[in-house]
Amino acid sequence: MVEFASCVKGIALNLENENVGIAVFGSDTAIKEGDLVKRIGSIMDVPAEKAMLGRVVDVLGVPIDGRGALQR
């Protein structure tokens, strides 16, 4: 996993000598070619719990349905 300066996370899919392909998990409006990213030192980890039933979450498990945070 990687993180851009705008706090948007992503995952590196291909590594080449001069380029890296990244799948972005969020809005890419603040990201531009040449931006630096940092490796966050973890693999993709998405929780799965009863509080998620009936909710709409993004690829990282963050609610996007306007109903607030998950009750844990």
PDB file of N, CA and C in Angstrom:
ATOM      1  N   MET A   1       0.846  -1.173   0.000  1.00  0.00           N
ATOM      2  CA  MET A   1       0.000   0.000   0.000  1.00  0.00           C
ATOM      3  C   MET A   1       0.893   1.238   0.000  1.00  0.00           C
ATOM      4  N   VAL A   2       0.372   2.284  -0.630  1.00  0.00           N
ATOM      5  CA  VAL A   2       1.075   3.566  -0.694  1.00  0.00           C
ATOM      6  C   VAL A   2       0.109   4.686  -0.314  1.00  0.00           C
ATOM      7  N   GLU A   3       0.668   5.835   0.032  1.00  0.00           N
ATOM      8  CA  GLU A   3      -0.156   6.993   0.378  1.00  0.00           C
ATOM      9  C   GLU A   3       0.418   8.229  -0.302  1.00  0.00           C
ATOM     10  N   PHE A   4      -0.466   8.997  -0.924  1.00  0.00           N
ATOM     11  CA  PHE A   4      -0.083  10.252  -1.564  1.00  0.00           C
ATOM     12  C   PHE A   4      -0.061  11.370  -0.527  1.00  0.00           C
ATOM     13  N   ALA A   5       0.529  12.504  -0.873  1.00  0.00           N
ATOM     14  CA  ALA A   5       0.588  13.657   0.030  1.00  0.00           C
ATOM     15  C   ALA A   5      -0.809  14.123   0.433  1.00  0.00           C
ATOM     16  N   SER A   6      -1.807  13.868  -0.427  1.00  0.00           N
ATOM     17  CA  SER A   6      -3.189  14.265  -0.140  1.00  0.00           C
ATOM     18  C   SER A   6      -3.898  13.267   0.768  1.00  0.00           C
ATOM     19  N   CYS A   7      -3.170  12.291   1.315  1.00  0.00           N
ATOM     20  CA  CYS A   7      -3.679  11.246   2.218  1.00  0.00           C
ATOM     21  C   CYS A   7      -4.521  10.190   1.514  1.00  0.00           C
ATOM     22  N   VAL A   8      -4.616  10.233   0.198  1.00  0.00           N
ATOM     23  CA  VAL A   8      -5.316   9.200  -0.563  1.00  0.00           C
ATOM     24  C   VAL A   8      -4.402   7.984  -0.630  1.00  0.00           C
ATOM     25  N   LYS A   9      -4.997   6.810  -0.417  1.00  0.00           N
ATOM     26  CA  LYS A   9      -4.218   5.578  -0.447  1.00  0.00           C
ATOM     27  C   LYS A   9      -4.383   4.869  -1.777  1.00  0.00           C
ATOM     28  N   GLY A  10      -3.463   3.969  -2.056  1.00  0.00           N
ATOM     29  CA  GLY A  10      -3.517   3.170  -3.270  1.00  0.00           C
ATOM     30  C   GLY A  10      -2.651   1.940  -3.118  1.00  0.00           C
ATOM     31  N   ILE A  11      -2.628   1.134  -4.163  1.00  0.00           N
ATOM     32  CA  ILE A  11      -1.796  -0.064  -4.158  1.00  0.00           C
ATOM     33  C   ILE A  11      -1.015  -0.118  -5.467  1.00  0.00           C
ATOM     34  N   ALA A  12       0.276  -0.395  -5.354  1.00  0.00           N
ATOM     35  CA  ALA A  12       1.135  -0.481  -6.537  1.00  0.00           C
ATOM     36  C   ALA A  12       0.852  -1.791  -7.259  1.00  0.00           C
ATOM     37  N   LEU A  13       0.552  -1.690  -8.548  1.00  0.00           N
ATOM     38  CA  LEU A  13       0.236  -2.875  -9.340  1.00  0.00           C
ATOM     39  C   LEU A  13       1.394  -3.302 -10.221  1.00  0.00           C
ATOM     40  N   ASN A  14       2.135  -2.374 -10.738  1.00  0.00           N
ATOM     41  CA  ASN A  14       3.287  -2.732 -11.561  1.00  0.00           C
ATOM     42  C   ASN A  14       4.438  -1.775 -11.292  1.00  0.00           C
ATOM     43  N   LEU A  15       5.617  -2.337 -11.218  1.00  0.00           N
ATOM     44  CA  LEU A  15       6.826  -1.561 -10.972  1.00  0.00           C
ATOM     45  C   LEU A  15       7.733  -1.693 -12.183  1.00  0.00           C
ATOM     46  N   GLU A  16       8.079  -0.559 -12.777  1.00  0.00           N
ATOM     47  CA  GLU A  16       8.978  -0.532 -13.920  1.00  0.00           C
ATOM     48  C   GLU A  16      10.161   0.362 -13.574  1.00  0.00           C
ATOM     49  N   ASN A  17      11.163   0.398 -14.426  1.00  0.00           N
ATOM     50  CA  ASN A  17      12.354   1.211 -14.149  1.00  0.00           C
ATOM     51  C   ASN A  17      12.032   2.682 -13.952  1.00  0.00           C
ATOM     52  N   GLU A  18      11.151   3.232 -14.763  1.00  0.00           N
ATOM     53  CA  GLU A  18      10.853   4.661 -14.726  1.00  0.00           C
ATOM     54  C   GLU A  18       9.432   4.985 -14.274  1.00  0.00           C
ATOM     55  N   ASN A  19       8.585   3.981 -14.095  1.00  0.00           N
ATOM     56  CA  ASN A  19       7.172   4.213 -13.779  1.00  0.00           C
ATOM     57  C   ASN A  19       6.657   3.202 -12.765  1.00  0.00           C
ATOM     58  N   VAL A  20       5.627   3.613 -12.062  1.00  0.00           N
ATOM     59  CA  VAL A  20       4.894   2.722 -11.166  1.00  0.00           C
ATOM     60  C   VAL A  20       3.417   2.906 -11.458  1.00  0.00           C
ATOM     61  N   GLY A  21       2.700   1.815 -11.665  1.00  0.00           N
ATOM     62  CA  GLY A  21       1.254   1.886 -11.853  1.00  0.00           C
ATOM     63  C   GLY A  21       0.569   1.677 -10.516  1.00  0.00           C
ATOM     64  N   ILE A  22      -0.329   2.589 -10.156  1.00  0.00           N
ATOM     65  CA  ILE A  22      -0.994   2.523  -8.852  1.00  0.00           C
ATOM     66  C   ILE A  22      -2.502   2.580  -9.043  1.00  0.00           C
ATOM     67  N   ALA A  23      -3.219   1.659  -8.388  1.00  0.00           N
ATOM     68  CA  ALA A  23      -4.677   1.733  -8.313  1.00  0.00           C
ATOM     69  C   ALA A  23      -5.000   2.647  -7.138  1.00  0.00           C
ATOM     70  N   VAL A  24      -5.721   3.733  -7.402  1.00  0.00           N
ATOM     71  CA  VAL A  24      -6.016   4.750  -6.395  1.00  0.00           C
ATOM     72  C   VAL A  24      -7.340   4.424  -5.716  1.00  0.00           C
ATOM     73  N   PHE A  25      -7.344   4.416  -4.383  1.00  0.00           N
ATOM     74  CA  PHE A  25      -8.542   4.128  -3.595  1.00  0.00           C
ATOM     75  C   PHE A  25      -9.137   5.423  -3.053  1.00  0.00           C
ATOM     76  N   GLY A  26      -9.659   6.246  -3.914  1.00  0.00           N
ATOM     77  CA  GLY A  26     -10.245   7.512  -3.511  1.00  0.00           C
ATOM     78  C   GLY A  26     -10.197   8.487  -4.668  1.00  0.00           C
ATOM     79  N   SER A  27     -10.449   9.733  -4.361  1.00  0.00           N
ATOM     80  CA  SER A  27     -10.458  10.771  -5.387  1.00  0.00           C
ATOM     81  C   SER A  27      -9.044  11.033  -5.891  1.00  0.00           C
ATOM     82  N   ASP A  28      -8.913  11.117  -7.203  1.00  0.00           N
ATOM     83  CA  ASP A  28      -7.598  11.383  -7.786  1.00  0.00           C
ATOM     84  C   ASP A  28      -7.434  12.840  -8.217  1.00  0.00           C
ATOM     85  N   THR A  29      -8.344  13.710  -7.813  1.00  0.00           N
ATOM     86  CA  THR A  29      -8.308  15.103  -8.271  1.00  0.00           C
ATOM     87  C   THR A  29      -7.079  15.862  -7.780  1.00  0.00           C
ATOM     88  N   ALA A  30      -6.516  15.483  -6.638  1.00  0.00           N
ATOM     89  CA  ALA A  30      -5.351  16.185  -6.095  1.00  0.00           C
ATOM     90  C   ALA A  30      -4.044  15.485  -6.458  1.00  0.00           C
ATOM     91  N   ILE A  31      -4.119  14.451  -7.301  1.00  0.00           N
ATOM     92  CA  ILE A  31      -2.931  13.685  -7.676  1.00  0.00           C
ATOM     93  C   ILE A  31      -2.529  14.046  -9.096  1.00  0.00           C
ATOM     94  N   LYS A  32      -1.229  14.266  -9.283  1.00  0.00           N
ATOM     95  CA  LYS A  32      -0.749  14.558 -10.638  1.00  0.00           C
ATOM     96  C   LYS A  32       0.525  13.760 -10.914  1.00  0.00           C
ATOM     97  N   GLU A  33       0.826  13.610 -12.181  1.00  0.00           N
ATOM     98  CA  GLU A  33       2.028  12.889 -12.584  1.00  0.00           C
ATOM     99  C   GLU A  33       3.258  13.521 -11.943  1.00  0.00           C
ATOM    100  N   GLY A  34       4.110  12.690 -11.404  1.00  0.00           N
ATOM    101  CA  GLY A  34       5.330  13.166 -10.766  1.00  0.00           C
ATOM    102  C   GLY A  34       5.223  13.347  -9.267  1.00  0.00           C
ATOM    103  N   ASP A  35       4.006  13.257  -8.701  1.00  0.00           N
ATOM    104  CA  ASP A  35       3.846  13.377  -7.252  1.00  0.00           C
ATOM    105  C   ASP A  35       4.605  12.261  -6.541  1.00  0.00           C
ATOM    106  N   LEU A  36       5.127  12.591  -5.382  1.00  0.00           N
ATOM    107  CA  LEU A  36       5.786  11.588  -4.560  1.00  0.00           C
ATOM    108  C   LEU A  36       4.749  10.834  -3.742  1.00  0.00           C
ATOM    109  N   VAL A  37       4.997   9.559  -3.566  1.00  0.00           N
ATOM    110  CA  VAL A  37       4.153   8.739  -2.702  1.00  0.00           C
ATOM    111  C   VAL A  37       5.061   8.029  -1.717  1.00  0.00           C
ATOM    112  N   LYS A  38       4.483   7.605  -0.598  1.00  0.00           N
ATOM    113  CA  LYS A  38       5.289   6.856   0.364  1.00  0.00           C
ATOM    114  C   LYS A  38       4.659   5.495   0.615  1.00  0.00           C
ATOM    115  N   ARG A  39       5.501   4.533   0.835  1.00  0.00           N
ATOM    116  CA  ARG A  39       5.048   3.196   1.198  1.00  0.00           C
ATOM    117  C   ARG A  39       4.625   3.253   2.656  1.00  0.00           C
ATOM    118  N   ILE A  40       3.447   2.724   2.967  1.00  0.00           N
ATOM    119  CA  ILE A  40       2.960   2.828   4.338  1.00  0.00           C
ATOM    120  C   ILE A  40       3.283   1.596   5.175  1.00  0.00           C
ATOM    121  N   GLY A  41       3.928   0.614   4.568  1.00  0.00           N
ATOM    122  CA  GLY A  41       4.423  -0.520   5.341  1.00  0.00           C
ATOM    123  C   GLY A  41       3.378  -1.522   5.773  1.00  0.00           C
ATOM    124  N   SER A  42       2.247  -1.536   5.105  1.00  0.00           N
ATOM    125  CA  SER A  42       1.227  -2.530   5.440  1.00  0.00           C
ATOM    126  C   SER A  42       0.603  -3.053   4.157  1.00  0.00           C
ATOM    127  N   ILE A  43      -0.017  -4.202   4.278  1.00  0.00           N
ATOM    128  CA  ILE A  43      -0.755  -4.742   3.150  1.00  0.00           C
ATOM    129  C   ILE A  43      -2.192  -4.256   3.250  1.00  0.00           C
ATOM    130  N   MET A  44      -2.959  -4.466   2.213  1.00  0.00           N
ATOM    131  CA  MET A  44      -4.357  -4.042   2.224  1.00  0.00           C
ATOM    132  C   MET A  44      -5.113  -4.844   3.274  1.00  0.00           C
ATOM    133  N   ASP A  45      -5.813  -4.149   4.143  1.00  0.00           N
ATOM    134  CA  ASP A  45      -6.531  -4.776   5.248  1.00  0.00           C
ATOM    135  C   ASP A  45      -7.906  -4.132   5.343  1.00  0.00           C
ATOM    136  N   VAL A  46      -8.943  -4.918   5.087  1.00  0.00           N
ATOM    137  CA  VAL A  46     -10.312  -4.407   5.132  1.00  0.00           C
ATOM    138  C   VAL A  46     -11.086  -5.196   6.179  1.00  0.00           C
ATOM    139  N   PRO A  47     -11.656  -4.519   7.176  1.00  0.00           N
ATOM    140  CA  PRO A  47     -12.404  -5.235   8.202  1.00  0.00           C
ATOM    141  C   PRO A  47     -13.701  -5.816   7.644  1.00  0.00           C
ATOM    142  N   ALA A  48     -14.140  -6.883   8.242  1.00  0.00           N
ATOM    143  CA  ALA A  48     -15.439  -7.471   7.911  1.00  0.00           C
ATOM    144  C   ALA A  48     -16.119  -7.776   9.242  1.00  0.00           C
ATOM    145  N   GLU A  49     -17.193  -7.065   9.526  1.00  0.00           N
ATOM    146  CA  GLU A  49     -17.851  -7.223  10.820  1.00  0.00           C
ATOM    147  C   GLU A  49     -19.343  -6.976  10.686  1.00  0.00           C
ATOM    148  N   LYS A  50     -20.102  -7.344  11.701  1.00  0.00           N
ATOM    149  CA  LYS A  50     -21.561  -7.217  11.664  1.00  0.00           C
ATOM    150  C   LYS A  50     -22.014  -5.778  11.471  1.00  0.00           C
ATOM    151  N   ALA A  51     -21.252  -4.816  11.965  1.00  0.00           N
ATOM    152  CA  ALA A  51     -21.624  -3.401  11.831  1.00  0.00           C
ATOM    153  C   ALA A  51     -21.681  -2.964  10.372  1.00  0.00           C
ATOM    154  N   MET A  52     -21.094  -3.751   9.480  1.00  0.00           N
ATOM    155  CA  MET A  52     -21.076  -3.403   8.055  1.00  0.00           C
ATOM    156  C   MET A  52     -22.328  -3.877   7.323  1.00  0.00           C
ATOM    157  N   LEU A  53     -23.108  -4.742   7.938  1.00  0.00           N
ATOM    158  CA  LEU A  53     -24.316  -5.255   7.290  1.00  0.00           C
ATOM    159  C   LEU A  53     -25.274  -4.118   6.964  1.00  0.00           C
ATOM    160  N   GLY A  54     -25.713  -4.052   5.723  1.00  0.00           N
ATOM    161  CA  GLY A  54     -26.640  -3.017   5.285  1.00  0.00           C
ATOM    162  C   GLY A  54     -25.991  -1.677   4.988  1.00  0.00           C
ATOM    163  N   ARG A  55     -24.675  -1.593   5.099  1.00  0.00           N
ATOM    164  CA  ARG A  55     -23.956  -0.346   4.858  1.00  0.00           C
ATOM    165  C   ARG A  55     -23.273  -0.383   3.506  1.00  0.00           C
ATOM    166  N   VAL A  56     -22.946   0.799   2.980  1.00  0.00           N
ATOM    167  CA  VAL A  56     -22.177   0.909   1.747  1.00  0.00           C
ATOM    168  C   VAL A  56     -20.811   1.464   2.135  1.00  0.00           C
ATOM    169  N   VAL A  57     -19.758   0.707   1.802  1.00  0.00           N
ATOM    170  CA  VAL A  57     -18.404   1.112   2.157  1.00  0.00           C
ATOM    171  C   VAL A  57     -17.530   1.145   0.904  1.00  0.00           C
ATOM    172  N   ASP A  58     -16.437   1.908   0.982  1.00  0.00           N
ATOM    173  CA  ASP A  58     -15.497   1.928  -0.144  1.00  0.00           C
ATOM    174  C   ASP A  58     -14.572   0.720  -0.060  1.00  0.00           C
ATOM    175  N   VAL A  59     -13.610   0.657  -0.947  1.00  0.00           N
ATOM    176  CA  VAL A  59     -12.721  -0.496  -1.039  1.00  0.00           C
ATOM    177  C   VAL A  59     -11.889  -0.701   0.229  1.00  0.00           C
ATOM    178  N   LEU A  60     -11.736   0.323   1.049  1.00  0.00           N
ATOM    179  CA  LEU A  60     -10.983   0.204   2.292  1.00  0.00           C
ATOM    180  C   LEU A  60     -11.875  -0.001   3.511  1.00  0.00           C
ATOM    181  N   GLY A  61     -13.190  -0.143   3.308  1.00  0.00           N
ATOM    182  CA  GLY A  61     -14.106  -0.373   4.413  1.00  0.00           C
ATOM    183  C   GLY A  61     -14.615   0.884   5.087  1.00  0.00           C
ATOM    184  N   VAL A  62     -14.393   2.040   4.485  1.00  0.00           N
ATOM    185  CA  VAL A  62     -14.859   3.318   5.043  1.00  0.00           C
ATOM    186  C   VAL A  62     -16.274   3.585   4.530  1.00  0.00           C
ATOM    187  N   PRO A  63     -17.240   3.869   5.437  1.00  0.00           N
ATOM    188  CA  PRO A  63     -18.618   4.113   5.005  1.00  0.00           C
ATOM    189  C   PRO A  63     -18.728   5.292   4.043  1.00  0.00           C
ATOM    190  N   ILE A  64     -19.511   5.092   2.979  1.00  0.00           N
ATOM    191  CA  ILE A  64     -19.748   6.159   1.999  1.00  0.00           C
ATOM    192  C   ILE A  64     -21.241   6.347   1.754  1.00  0.00           C
ATOM    193  N   ASP A  65     -22.061   5.875   2.689  1.00  0.00           N
ATOM    194  CA  ASP A  65     -23.510   5.933   2.511  1.00  0.00           C
ATOM    195  C   ASP A  65     -24.158   7.105   3.248  1.00  0.00           C
ATOM    196  N   GLY A  66     -23.352   7.975   3.869  1.00  0.00           N
ATOM    197  CA  GLY A  66     -23.894   9.142   4.552  1.00  0.00           C
ATOM    198  C   GLY A  66     -24.526   8.848   5.900  1.00  0.00           C
ATOM    199  N   ARG A  67     -24.328   7.646   6.425  1.00  0.00           N
ATOM    200  CA  ARG A  67     -24.931   7.270   7.707  1.00  0.00           C
ATOM    201  C   ARG A  67     -23.938   7.308   8.862  1.00  0.00           C
ATOM    202  N   GLY A  68     -22.816   7.975   8.662  1.00  0.00           N
ATOM    203  CA  GLY A  68     -21.834   8.112   9.736  1.00  0.00           C
ATOM    204  C   GLY A  68     -20.883   6.935   9.837  1.00  0.00           C
ATOM    205  N   ALA A  69     -20.084   6.980  10.889  1.00  0.00           N
ATOM    206  CA  ALA A  69     -19.073   5.942  11.114  1.00  0.00           C
ATOM    207  C   ALA A  69     -19.724   4.621  11.508  1.00  0.00           C
ATOM    208  N   LEU A  70     -18.985   3.546  11.313  1.00  0.00           N
ATOM    209  CA  LEU A  70     -19.459   2.235  11.746  1.00  0.00           C
ATOM    210  C   LEU A  70     -19.459   2.178  13.268  1.00  0.00           C
ATOM    211  N   GLN A  71     -20.476   1.581  13.838  1.00  0.00           N
ATOM    212  CA  GLN A  71     -20.550   1.405  15.291  1.00  0.00           C
ATOM    213  C   GLN A  71     -19.829   0.118  15.654  1.00  0.00           C
ATOM    214  N   ARG A  72     -18.717   0.241  16.318  1.00  0.00           N
ATOM    215  CA  ARG A  72     -17.898  -0.946  16.644  1.00  0.00           C
ATOM    216  C   ARG A  72     -17.998  -1.313  18.081  1.00  0.00           C
TER     217      ARG A  72
END
